[in-house]
Amino acid sequence: GLSLDPEDIAQVKGRTEGWAAGLQLAALSLSGREDAHGFISSFAGDDRPIVDYLGFEVVDGHDPDTRSFLLRTSVLARLSGPLCDAVLEEEGSAAKLAQLERANLFVIPLDNKREWYRYHHLFSGLLRHELGRTKPAFVAELHGRASAWFRDHGSVSEAIRHATAAGDTREASELITLHWYDYVQRGRIETVAGWLDALGDEALAGDAGLCLTKAWMGVNTGNLSEVARWIKAADRARLADDSPLVESGVAALREIHRYMGGDVDEAVEAGRRSTERGETPWRP
């Protein structure tokens, strides 16, 4: 009796992952709401009925060690025994994950070997909400440990995501600088753009290399104003980083920008300056 559009119904089903209690809670929350579509778009683990039900009926029904494990590992989009051990700085996580799965505690296996898991989306949303409410100062530390583990195990994108979530701009910037070109070469432009967007313009503006990477994203999308904006930002930032690589990168991006704008003479001159300053990943 809620008169929902088919798209809204599909979205509720997707967000609850077909969980019957979650669907019922969503229906209760939607009752009497004028903006059903807006609520469905924001429906997550910090919604009051979800918090009440899962918090009191599920999470609080377990021993303190289990509750602590659930809260602290909620920062992870996927979980494995070794990863959780590193994040928690303790042992036995693989056995704990298997135990939680057997108890049907909203833990979903991601492979047949039961090496990787994830939490039900609404459940993980609740856990993150509770972690942020009860131990806000601990969140960054957990993300930092996760970033270090993923970095050491070659999962660059997840390492960058957790470093950004930890507020460790320096670590995230170094990882992006090291790996952005390989990702772009493999057609992963949107992934790199997501890394940069997550850091925010203020953080980017202080790092000449990241400014140039942002300019390169503008080249790939044909956005000349963005290219010009970030070349200027790189020029300002390189005052604190006068390495030949950065100087060459600024010249190389200017070459491309001038050429895209139809100014061939200026493009040639910028290309000459770039070549004189040595190799750079920003030269096509």
C-alpha atoms as a PDB file:
ATOM      1  CA  GLY A   1       0.000   0.000   0.000  1.00  0.00           C
ATOM      2  CA  LEU A   2       2.960   2.345  -0.356  1.00  0.00           C
ATOM      3  CA  SER A   3       2.433   3.034  -4.077  1.00  0.00           C
ATOM      4  CA  LEU A   4       6.136   2.785  -4.869  1.00  0.00           C
ATOM      5  CA  ASP A   5       7.560   2.995  -8.376  1.00  0.00           C
ATOM      6  CA  PRO A   6       9.112  -0.230  -9.749  1.00  0.00           C
ATOM      7  CA  GLU A   7      12.549   1.429  -9.618  1.00  0.00           C
ATOM      8  CA  ASP A   8      12.093   2.275  -5.936  1.00  0.00           C
ATOM      9  CA  ILE A   9      11.007  -1.284  -5.159  1.00  0.00           C
ATOM     10  CA  ALA A  10      14.072  -2.653  -6.934  1.00  0.00           C
ATOM     11  CA  GLN A  11      16.310  -0.238  -5.007  1.00  0.00           C
ATOM     12  CA  VAL A  12      14.837  -1.259  -1.633  1.00  0.00           C
ATOM     13  CA  LYS A  13      15.312  -4.910  -2.524  1.00  0.00           C
ATOM     14  CA  GLY A  14      18.907  -4.226  -3.550  1.00  0.00           C
ATOM     15  CA  ARG A  15      19.719  -2.262  -0.396  1.00  0.00           C
ATOM     16  CA  THR A  16      18.215  -4.923   1.873  1.00  0.00           C
ATOM     17  CA  GLU A  17      19.650  -7.717  -0.307  1.00  0.00           C
ATOM     18  CA  GLY A  18      16.297  -9.461  -0.068  1.00  0.00           C
ATOM     19  CA  TRP A  19      16.462  -9.637   3.730  1.00  0.00           C
ATOM     20  CA  ALA A  20      12.826 -10.002   4.869  1.00  0.00           C
ATOM     21  CA  ALA A  21      13.246  -8.096   8.140  1.00  0.00           C
ATOM     22  CA  GLY A  22      15.051  -5.318   6.288  1.00  0.00           C
ATOM     23  CA  LEU A  23      12.201  -5.054   3.790  1.00  0.00           C
ATOM     24  CA  GLN A  24       9.691  -4.856   6.632  1.00  0.00           C
ATOM     25  CA  LEU A  25      11.711  -2.182   8.408  1.00  0.00           C
ATOM     26  CA  ALA A  26      11.953  -0.202   5.185  1.00  0.00           C
ATOM     27  CA  ALA A  27       8.177  -0.446   4.755  1.00  0.00           C
ATOM     28  CA  LEU A  28       7.603   0.799   8.319  1.00  0.00           C
ATOM     29  CA  SER A  29       9.971   3.700   7.746  1.00  0.00           C
ATOM     30  CA  LEU A  30       8.257   4.596   4.454  1.00  0.00           C
ATOM     31  CA  SER A  31       4.770   4.642   5.937  1.00  0.00           C
ATOM     32  CA  GLY A  32       3.451   8.185   5.954  1.00  0.00           C
ATOM     33  CA  ARG A  33       6.459   9.691   4.197  1.00  0.00           C
ATOM     34  CA  GLU A  34       5.801  12.145   1.385  1.00  0.00           C
ATOM     35  CA  ASP A  35       9.244  11.769  -0.182  1.00  0.00           C
ATOM     36  CA  ALA A  36       9.475   7.988  -0.435  1.00  0.00           C
ATOM     37  CA  HIS A  37      11.983   8.167  -3.281  1.00  0.00           C
ATOM     38  CA  GLY A  38      14.352  10.383  -1.303  1.00  0.00           C
ATOM     39  CA  PHE A  39      14.189   8.095   1.729  1.00  0.00           C
ATOM     40  CA  ILE A  40      14.877   4.992  -0.347  1.00  0.00           C
ATOM     41  CA  SER A  41      17.909   6.680  -1.901  1.00  0.00           C
ATOM     42  CA  SER A  42      19.351   7.319   1.569  1.00  0.00           C
ATOM     43  CA  PHE A  43      18.160   4.099   3.249  1.00  0.00           C
ATOM     44  CA  ALA A  44      21.192   2.638   5.016  1.00  0.00           C
ATOM     45  CA  GLY A  45      22.507   1.082   8.223  1.00  0.00           C
ATOM     46  CA  ASP A  46      22.232   4.298  10.213  1.00  0.00           C
ATOM     47  CA  ASP A  47      18.474   4.591   9.629  1.00  0.00           C
ATOM     48  CA  ARG A  48      16.731   4.579  13.017  1.00  0.00           C
ATOM     49  CA  PRO A  49      14.670   1.352  12.676  1.00  0.00           C
ATOM     50  CA  ILE A  50      17.704  -0.495  11.316  1.00  0.00           C
ATOM     51  CA  VAL A  51      19.841   0.774  14.179  1.00  0.00           C
ATOM     52  CA  ASP A  52      17.211  -0.221  16.731  1.00  0.00           C
ATOM     53  CA  TYR A  53      16.597  -3.691  15.339  1.00  0.00           C
ATOM     54  CA  LEU A  54      20.126  -4.734  14.501  1.00  0.00           C
ATOM     55  CA  GLY A  55      21.657  -2.893  17.421  1.00  0.00           C
ATOM     56  CA  PHE A  56      19.482  -4.321  20.144  1.00  0.00           C
ATOM     57  CA  GLU A  57      18.359  -7.623  18.661  1.00  0.00           C
ATOM     58  CA  VAL A  58      21.549  -8.747  16.953  1.00  0.00           C
ATOM     59  CA  VAL A  59      24.725  -6.919  17.962  1.00  0.00           C
ATOM     60  CA  ASP A  60      23.907  -6.504  21.655  1.00  0.00           C
ATOM     61  CA  GLY A  61      23.011 -10.174  21.885  1.00  0.00           C
ATOM     62  CA  HIS A  62      26.634 -11.235  21.495  1.00  0.00           C
ATOM     63  CA  ASP A  63      29.580 -11.301  23.848  1.00  0.00           C
ATOM     64  CA  PRO A  64      31.841  -8.219  24.152  1.00  0.00           C
ATOM     65  CA  ASP A  65      34.670  -9.803  22.115  1.00  0.00           C
ATOM     66  CA  THR A  66      32.341 -10.504  19.186  1.00  0.00           C
ATOM     67  CA  ARG A  67      30.834  -7.016  19.335  1.00  0.00           C
ATOM     68  CA  SER A  68      34.305  -5.491  19.378  1.00  0.00           C
ATOM     69  CA  PHE A  69      35.374  -7.638  16.412  1.00  0.00           C
ATOM     70  CA  LEU A  70      32.298  -6.612  14.410  1.00  0.00           C
ATOM     71  CA  LEU A  71      32.693  -2.908  15.099  1.00  0.00           C
ATOM     72  CA  ARG A  72      36.416  -2.701  14.418  1.00  0.00           C
ATOM     73  CA  THR A  73      36.291  -4.718  11.183  1.00  0.00           C
ATOM     74  CA  SER A  74      33.342  -2.717   9.840  1.00  0.00           C
ATOM     75  CA  VAL A  75      35.794  -0.318   8.170  1.00  0.00           C
ATOM     76  CA  LEU A  76      36.577  -3.092   5.666  1.00  0.00           C
ATOM     77  CA  ALA A  77      34.565  -3.595   2.477  1.00  0.00           C
ATOM     78  CA  ARG A  78      35.817  -7.205   2.380  1.00  0.00           C
ATOM     79  CA  LEU A  79      37.346  -9.317   5.090  1.00  0.00           C
ATOM     80  CA  SER A  80      39.848 -12.141   5.368  1.00  0.00           C
ATOM     81  CA  GLY A  81      41.564 -13.722   8.350  1.00  0.00           C
ATOM     82  CA  PRO A  82      45.026 -12.227   7.671  1.00  0.00           C
ATOM     83  CA  LEU A  83      43.598  -8.782   6.873  1.00  0.00           C
ATOM     84  CA  CYS A  84      41.488  -8.675  10.026  1.00  0.00           C
ATOM     85  CA  ASP A  85      44.441  -9.910  12.099  1.00  0.00           C
ATOM     86  CA  ALA A  86      46.519  -7.004  10.790  1.00  0.00           C
ATOM     87  CA  VAL A  87      43.796  -4.412  11.347  1.00  0.00           C
ATOM     88  CA  LEU A  88      42.990  -5.673  14.853  1.00  0.00           C
ATOM     89  CA  GLU A  89      46.610  -6.481  15.735  1.00  0.00           C
ATOM     90  CA  GLU A  90      45.581  -9.870  17.076  1.00  0.00           C
ATOM     91  CA  GLU A  91      45.193 -13.446  15.860  1.00  0.00           C
ATOM     92  CA  GLY A  92      42.314 -15.831  15.247  1.00  0.00           C
ATOM     93  CA  SER A  93      40.249 -13.737  12.840  1.00  0.00           C
ATOM     94  CA  ALA A  94      39.792 -16.525  10.272  1.00  0.00           C
ATOM     95  CA  ALA A  95      38.159 -18.731  12.889  1.00  0.00           C
ATOM     96  CA  LYS A  96      36.019 -15.810  14.080  1.00  0.00           C
ATOM     97  CA  LEU A  97      34.754 -15.118  10.549  1.00  0.00           C
ATOM     98  CA  ALA A  98      33.850 -18.782  10.075  1.00  0.00           C
ATOM     99  CA  GLN A  99      32.047 -18.735  13.405  1.00  0.00           C
ATOM    100  CA  LEU A 100      30.071 -15.636  12.450  1.00  0.00           C
ATOM    101  CA  GLU A 101      29.054 -17.210   9.135  1.00  0.00           C
ATOM    102  CA  ARG A 102      27.840 -20.362  10.903  1.00  0.00           C
ATOM    103  CA  ALA A 103      25.831 -18.174  13.258  1.00  0.00           C
ATOM    104  CA  ASN A 104      24.185 -16.463  10.247  1.00  0.00           C
ATOM    105  CA  LEU A 105      25.371 -13.100  11.552  1.00  0.00           C
ATOM    106  CA  PHE A 106      25.063 -11.198   8.266  1.00  0.00           C
ATOM    107  CA  VAL A 107      28.452 -12.469   7.043  1.00  0.00           C
ATOM    108  CA  ILE A 108      28.510 -13.386   3.353  1.00  0.00           C
ATOM    109  CA  PRO A 109      31.299 -15.521   1.820  1.00  0.00           C
ATOM    110  CA  LEU A 110      32.830 -14.134  -1.369  1.00  0.00           C
ATOM    111  CA  ASP A 111      34.554 -17.304  -2.559  1.00  0.00           C
ATOM    112  CA  ASN A 112      34.139 -21.074  -2.327  1.00  0.00           C
ATOM    113  CA  LYS A 113      37.221 -21.459  -0.154  1.00  0.00           C
ATOM    114  CA  ARG A 114      35.740 -19.201   2.525  1.00  0.00           C
ATOM    115  CA  GLU A 115      38.851 -17.010   2.536  1.00  0.00           C
ATOM    116  CA  TRP A 116      37.078 -13.713   1.857  1.00  0.00           C
ATOM    117  CA  TYR A 117      33.806 -12.402   3.292  1.00  0.00           C
ATOM    118  CA  ARG A 118      31.791  -9.219   3.541  1.00  0.00           C
ATOM    119  CA  TYR A 119      29.063  -7.997   5.855  1.00  0.00           C
ATOM    120  CA  HIS A 120      25.500  -7.468   4.723  1.00  0.00           C
ATOM    121  CA  HIS A 121      25.388  -3.879   3.484  1.00  0.00           C
ATOM    122  CA  LEU A 122      22.840  -2.639   6.013  1.00  0.00           C
ATOM    123  CA  PHE A 123      24.626  -4.460   8.810  1.00  0.00           C
ATOM    124  CA  SER A 124      27.996  -2.951   7.901  1.00  0.00           C
ATOM    125  CA  GLY A 125      26.358   0.475   7.743  1.00  0.00           C
ATOM    126  CA  LEU A 126      25.069   0.038  11.278  1.00  0.00           C
ATOM    127  CA  LEU A 127      28.445  -1.155  12.536  1.00  0.00           C
ATOM    128  CA  ARG A 128      30.294   1.801  10.992  1.00  0.00           C
ATOM    129  CA  HIS A 129      27.730   4.176  12.452  1.00  0.00           C
ATOM    130  CA  GLU A 130      28.199   2.679  15.919  1.00  0.00           C
ATOM    131  CA  LEU A 131      31.990   2.666  15.606  1.00  0.00           C
ATOM    132  CA  GLY A 132      31.995   6.324  14.614  1.00  0.00           C
ATOM    133  CA  ARG A 133      29.641   7.179  17.467  1.00  0.00           C
ATOM    134  CA  THR A 134      31.420   5.248  20.212  1.00  0.00           C
ATOM    135  CA  LYS A 135      35.088   5.299  19.132  1.00  0.00           C
ATOM    136  CA  PRO A 136      35.544   8.091  16.562  1.00  0.00           C
ATOM    137  CA  ALA A 137      39.255   8.552  17.293  1.00  0.00           C
ATOM    138  CA  PHE A 138      39.894   4.892  16.528  1.00  0.00           C
ATOM    139  CA  VAL A 139      38.484   4.928  12.992  1.00  0.00           C
ATOM    140  CA  ALA A 140      41.495   6.552  11.313  1.00  0.00           C
ATOM    141  CA  GLU A 141      43.904   4.117  12.967  1.00  0.00           C
ATOM    142  CA  LEU A 142      41.941   1.112  11.709  1.00  0.00           C
ATOM    143  CA  HIS A 143      41.867   2.509   8.172  1.00  0.00           C
ATOM    144  CA  GLY A 144      45.596   3.191   8.377  1.00  0.00           C
ATOM    145  CA  ARG A 145      46.355  -0.419   9.283  1.00  0.00           C
ATOM    146  CA  ALA A 146      44.089  -1.633   6.471  1.00  0.00           C
ATOM    147  CA  SER A 147      45.870   0.638   3.999  1.00  0.00           C
ATOM    148  CA  ALA A 148      49.277  -0.718   5.028  1.00  0.00           C
ATOM    149  CA  TRP A 149      48.095  -4.327   4.651  1.00  0.00           C
ATOM    150  CA  PHE A 150      46.586  -3.770   1.191  1.00  0.00           C
ATOM    151  CA  ARG A 151      49.679  -1.847   0.071  1.00  0.00           C
ATOM    152  CA  ASP A 152      51.958  -4.682   1.184  1.00  0.00           C
ATOM    153  CA  HIS A 153      49.760  -7.219  -0.627  1.00  0.00           C
ATOM    154  CA  GLY A 154      49.589  -5.327  -3.922  1.00  0.00           C
ATOM    155  CA  SER A 155      45.991  -4.079  -3.679  1.00  0.00           C
ATOM    156  CA  VAL A 156      46.727  -0.500  -4.675  1.00  0.00           C
ATOM    157  CA  SER A 157      43.202   0.835  -5.054  1.00  0.00           C
ATOM    158  CA  GLU A 158      42.078  -0.443  -1.654  1.00  0.00           C
ATOM    159  CA  ALA A 159      45.276   0.837  -0.056  1.00  0.00           C
ATOM    160  CA  ILE A 160      44.563   4.310  -1.459  1.00  0.00           C
ATOM    161  CA  ARG A 161      40.931   4.200  -0.360  1.00  0.00           C
ATOM    162  CA  HIS A 162      41.823   3.326   3.214  1.00  0.00           C
ATOM    163  CA  ALA A 163      44.687   5.842   3.366  1.00  0.00           C
ATOM    164  CA  THR A 164      42.248   8.542   2.249  1.00  0.00           C
ATOM    165  CA  ALA A 165      39.671   7.411   4.813  1.00  0.00           C
ATOM    166  CA  ALA A 166      42.395   7.530   7.467  1.00  0.00           C
ATOM    167  CA  GLY A 167      43.132  11.134   6.551  1.00  0.00           C
ATOM    168  CA  ASP A 168      46.658  10.135   5.557  1.00  0.00           C
ATOM    169  CA  THR A 169      46.920  12.442   2.563  1.00  0.00           C
ATOM    170  CA  ARG A 170      50.649  11.906   2.238  1.00  0.00           C
ATOM    171  CA  GLU A 171      50.372   8.119   1.937  1.00  0.00           C
ATOM    172  CA  ALA A 172      47.435   8.344  -0.480  1.00  0.00           C
ATOM    173  CA  SER A 173      49.289  10.911  -2.596  1.00  0.00           C
ATOM    174  CA  GLU A 174      52.435   8.801  -2.781  1.00  0.00           C
ATOM    175  CA  LEU A 175      50.461   5.731  -3.833  1.00  0.00           C
ATOM    176  CA  ILE A 176      48.547   7.663  -6.493  1.00  0.00           C
ATOM    177  CA  THR A 177      51.744   9.221  -7.830  1.00  0.00           C
ATOM    178  CA  LEU A 178      53.363   5.797  -8.091  1.00  0.00           C
ATOM    179  CA  HIS A 179      50.464   3.998  -9.751  1.00  0.00           C
ATOM    180  CA  TRP A 180      48.185   6.412 -11.626  1.00  0.00           C
ATOM    181  CA  TYR A 181      49.953   6.048 -14.972  1.00  0.00           C
ATOM    182  CA  ASP A 182      49.730   2.244 -14.993  1.00  0.00           C
ATOM    183  CA  TYR A 183      46.017   2.454 -14.246  1.00  0.00           C
ATOM    184  CA  VAL A 184      45.411   5.012 -17.012  1.00  0.00           C
ATOM    185  CA  GLN A 185      47.353   2.832 -19.464  1.00  0.00           C
ATOM    186  CA  ARG A 186      45.010  -0.058 -18.596  1.00  0.00           C
ATOM    187  CA  GLY A 187      41.929   2.080 -19.209  1.00  0.00           C
ATOM    188  CA  ARG A 188      41.198   2.615 -15.504  1.00  0.00           C
ATOM    189  CA  ILE A 189      40.759   6.387 -15.855  1.00  0.00           C
ATOM    190  CA  GLU A 190      37.602   6.468 -13.728  1.00  0.00           C
ATOM    191  CA  THR A 191      39.419   4.686 -10.923  1.00  0.00           C
ATOM    192  CA  VAL A 192      42.180   7.307 -10.879  1.00  0.00           C
ATOM    193  CA  ALA A 193      39.610  10.110 -11.073  1.00  0.00           C
ATOM    194  CA  GLY A 194      37.846   8.583  -8.061  1.00  0.00           C
ATOM    195  CA  TRP A 195      41.096   8.556  -6.056  1.00  0.00           C
ATOM    196  CA  LEU A 196      41.666  12.231  -6.800  1.00  0.00           C
ATOM    197  CA  ASP A 197      38.077  13.258  -6.090  1.00  0.00           C
ATOM    198  CA  ALA A 198      38.182  11.471  -2.734  1.00  0.00           C
ATOM    199  CA  LEU A 199      41.277  13.421  -1.698  1.00  0.00           C
ATOM    200  CA  GLY A 200      39.604  16.734  -2.527  1.00  0.00           C
ATOM    201  CA  ASP A 201      40.838  19.782  -4.393  1.00  0.00           C
ATOM    202  CA  GLU A 202      42.495  21.362  -1.353  1.00  0.00           C
ATOM    203  CA  ALA A 203      44.774  18.375  -0.815  1.00  0.00           C
ATOM    204  CA  LEU A 204      45.552  18.131  -4.531  1.00  0.00           C
ATOM    205  CA  ALA A 205      46.467  21.788  -4.827  1.00  0.00           C
ATOM    206  CA  GLY A 206      49.445  21.358  -2.512  1.00  0.00           C
ATOM    207  CA  ASP A 207      51.008  18.529  -4.509  1.00  0.00           C
ATOM    208  CA  ALA A 208      52.399  19.406  -7.936  1.00  0.00           C
ATOM    209  CA  GLY A 209      52.402  15.798  -9.136  1.00  0.00           C
ATOM    210  CA  LEU A 210      48.742  15.288  -8.216  1.00  0.00           C
ATOM    211  CA  CYS A 211      47.830  18.583  -9.904  1.00  0.00           C
ATOM    212  CA  LEU A 212      49.420  17.297 -13.095  1.00  0.00           C
ATOM    213  CA  THR A 213      47.595  13.992 -12.748  1.00  0.00           C
ATOM    214  CA  LYS A 214      44.338  15.917 -12.356  1.00  0.00           C
ATOM    215  CA  ALA A 215      45.224  17.918 -15.480  1.00  0.00           C
ATOM    216  CA  TRP A 216      45.770  14.655 -17.328  1.00  0.00           C
ATOM    217  CA  MET A 217      42.247  13.564 -16.357  1.00  0.00           C
ATOM    218  CA  GLY A 218      41.053  16.759 -18.027  1.00  0.00           C
ATOM    219  CA  VAL A 219      43.012  15.844 -21.149  1.00  0.00           C
ATOM    220  CA  ASN A 220      41.290  12.462 -21.276  1.00  0.00           C
ATOM    221  CA  THR A 221      37.836  14.016 -20.967  1.00  0.00           C
ATOM    222  CA  GLY A 222      38.595  16.914 -23.323  1.00  0.00           C
ATOM    223  CA  ASN A 223      37.909  19.483 -20.603  1.00  0.00           C
ATOM    224  CA  LEU A 224      40.314  22.279 -21.547  1.00  0.00           C
ATOM    225  CA  SER A 225      39.316  24.567 -18.674  1.00  0.00           C
ATOM    226  CA  GLU A 226      40.140  21.825 -16.163  1.00  0.00           C
ATOM    227  CA  VAL A 227      43.470  21.175 -17.864  1.00  0.00           C
ATOM    228  CA  ALA A 228      44.382  24.870 -17.662  1.00  0.00           C
ATOM    229  CA  ARG A 229      43.221  25.130 -14.050  1.00  0.00           C
ATOM    230  CA  TRP A 230      45.345  22.252 -12.823  1.00  0.00           C
ATOM    231  CA  ILE A 231      48.411  23.214 -14.845  1.00  0.00           C
ATOM    232  CA  LYS A 232      48.306  26.579 -13.075  1.00  0.00           C
ATOM    233  CA  ALA A 233      47.869  24.820  -9.738  1.00  0.00           C
ATOM    234  CA  ALA A 234      50.848  22.574 -10.507  1.00  0.00           C
ATOM    235  CA  ASP A 235      52.942  25.617 -11.420  1.00  0.00           C
ATOM    236  CA  ARG A 236      52.133  27.162  -8.030  1.00  0.00           C
ATOM    237  CA  ALA A 237      52.734  23.943  -6.120  1.00  0.00           C
ATOM    238  CA  ARG A 238      56.069  23.242  -7.792  1.00  0.00           C
ATOM    239  CA  LEU A 239      57.576  26.205  -5.979  1.00  0.00           C
ATOM    240  CA  ALA A 240      57.862  23.738  -3.093  1.00  0.00           C
ATOM    241  CA  ASP A 241      58.967  20.919  -5.413  1.00  0.00           C
ATOM    242  CA  ASP A 242      61.439  22.111  -8.026  1.00  0.00           C
ATOM    243  CA  SER A 243      62.328  18.640  -9.298  1.00  0.00           C
ATOM    244  CA  PRO A 244      63.044  18.342 -13.050  1.00  0.00           C
ATOM    245  CA  LEU A 245      60.259  15.754 -13.312  1.00  0.00           C
ATOM    246  CA  VAL A 246      57.631  18.207 -12.113  1.00  0.00           C
ATOM    247  CA  GLU A 247      58.986  21.051 -14.255  1.00  0.00           C
ATOM    248  CA  SER A 248      59.007  18.774 -17.289  1.00  0.00           C
ATOM    249  CA  GLY A 249      55.490  17.627 -16.464  1.00  0.00           C
ATOM    250  CA  VAL A 250      54.168  21.189 -16.355  1.00  0.00           C
ATOM    251  CA  ALA A 251      55.742  21.911 -19.750  1.00  0.00           C
ATOM    252  CA  ALA A 252      54.417  18.658 -21.243  1.00  0.00           C
ATOM    253  CA  LEU A 253      50.849  19.323 -20.118  1.00  0.00           C
ATOM    254  CA  ARG A 254      51.094  22.877 -21.437  1.00  0.00           C
ATOM    255  CA  GLU A 255      52.155  21.397 -24.773  1.00  0.00           C
ATOM    256  CA  ILE A 256      49.082  19.170 -24.873  1.00  0.00           C
ATOM    257  CA  HIS A 257      46.782  21.943 -23.679  1.00  0.00           C
ATOM    258  CA  ARG A 258      48.004  24.387 -26.332  1.00  0.00           C
ATOM    259  CA  TYR A 259      47.660  21.747 -29.036  1.00  0.00           C
ATOM    260  CA  MET A 260      44.110  20.840 -27.943  1.00  0.00           C
ATOM    261  CA  GLY A 261      43.264  24.542 -28.067  1.00  0.00           C
ATOM    262  CA  GLY A 262      44.594  24.863 -31.620  1.00  0.00           C
ATOM    263  CA  ASP A 263      47.692  26.950 -30.772  1.00  0.00           C
ATOM    264  CA  VAL A 264      50.260  24.834 -32.623  1.00  0.00           C
ATOM    265  CA  ASP A 265      53.164  27.283 -32.337  1.00  0.00           C
ATOM    266  CA  GLU A 266      52.821  27.503 -28.548  1.00  0.00           C
ATOM    267  CA  ALA A 267      52.411  23.725 -28.369  1.00  0.00           C
ATOM    268  CA  VAL A 268      55.689  23.208 -30.236  1.00  0.00           C
ATOM    269  CA  GLU A 269      57.494  25.666 -27.954  1.00  0.00           C
ATOM    270  CA  ALA A 270      56.084  24.005 -24.824  1.00  0.00           C
ATOM    271  CA  GLY A 271      57.070  20.601 -26.209  1.00  0.00           C
ATOM    272  CA  ARG A 272      60.618  21.796 -26.758  1.00  0.00           C
ATOM    273  CA  ARG A 273      60.850  23.044 -23.168  1.00  0.00           C
ATOM    274  CA  SER A 274      59.444  19.781 -21.876  1.00  0.00           C
ATOM    275  CA  THR A 275      61.939  17.697 -23.848  1.00  0.00           C
ATOM    276  CA  GLU A 276      64.839  19.794 -22.564  1.00  0.00           C
ATOM    277  CA  ARG A 277      63.807  19.061 -18.989  1.00  0.00           C
ATOM    278  CA  GLY A 278      63.896  15.296 -19.325  1.00  0.00           C
ATOM    279  CA  GLU A 279      61.566  12.323 -19.085  1.00  0.00           C
ATOM    280  CA  THR A 280      58.066  12.617 -17.619  1.00  0.00           C
ATOM    281  CA  PRO A 281      55.020  10.349 -17.473  1.00  0.00           C
ATOM    282  CA  TRP A 282      52.895  13.281 -18.670  1.00  0.00           C
ATOM    283  CA  ARG A 283      54.388  13.303 -22.171  1.00  0.00           C
ATOM    284  CA  PRO A 284      52.371  11.226 -24.681  1.00  0.00           C
END
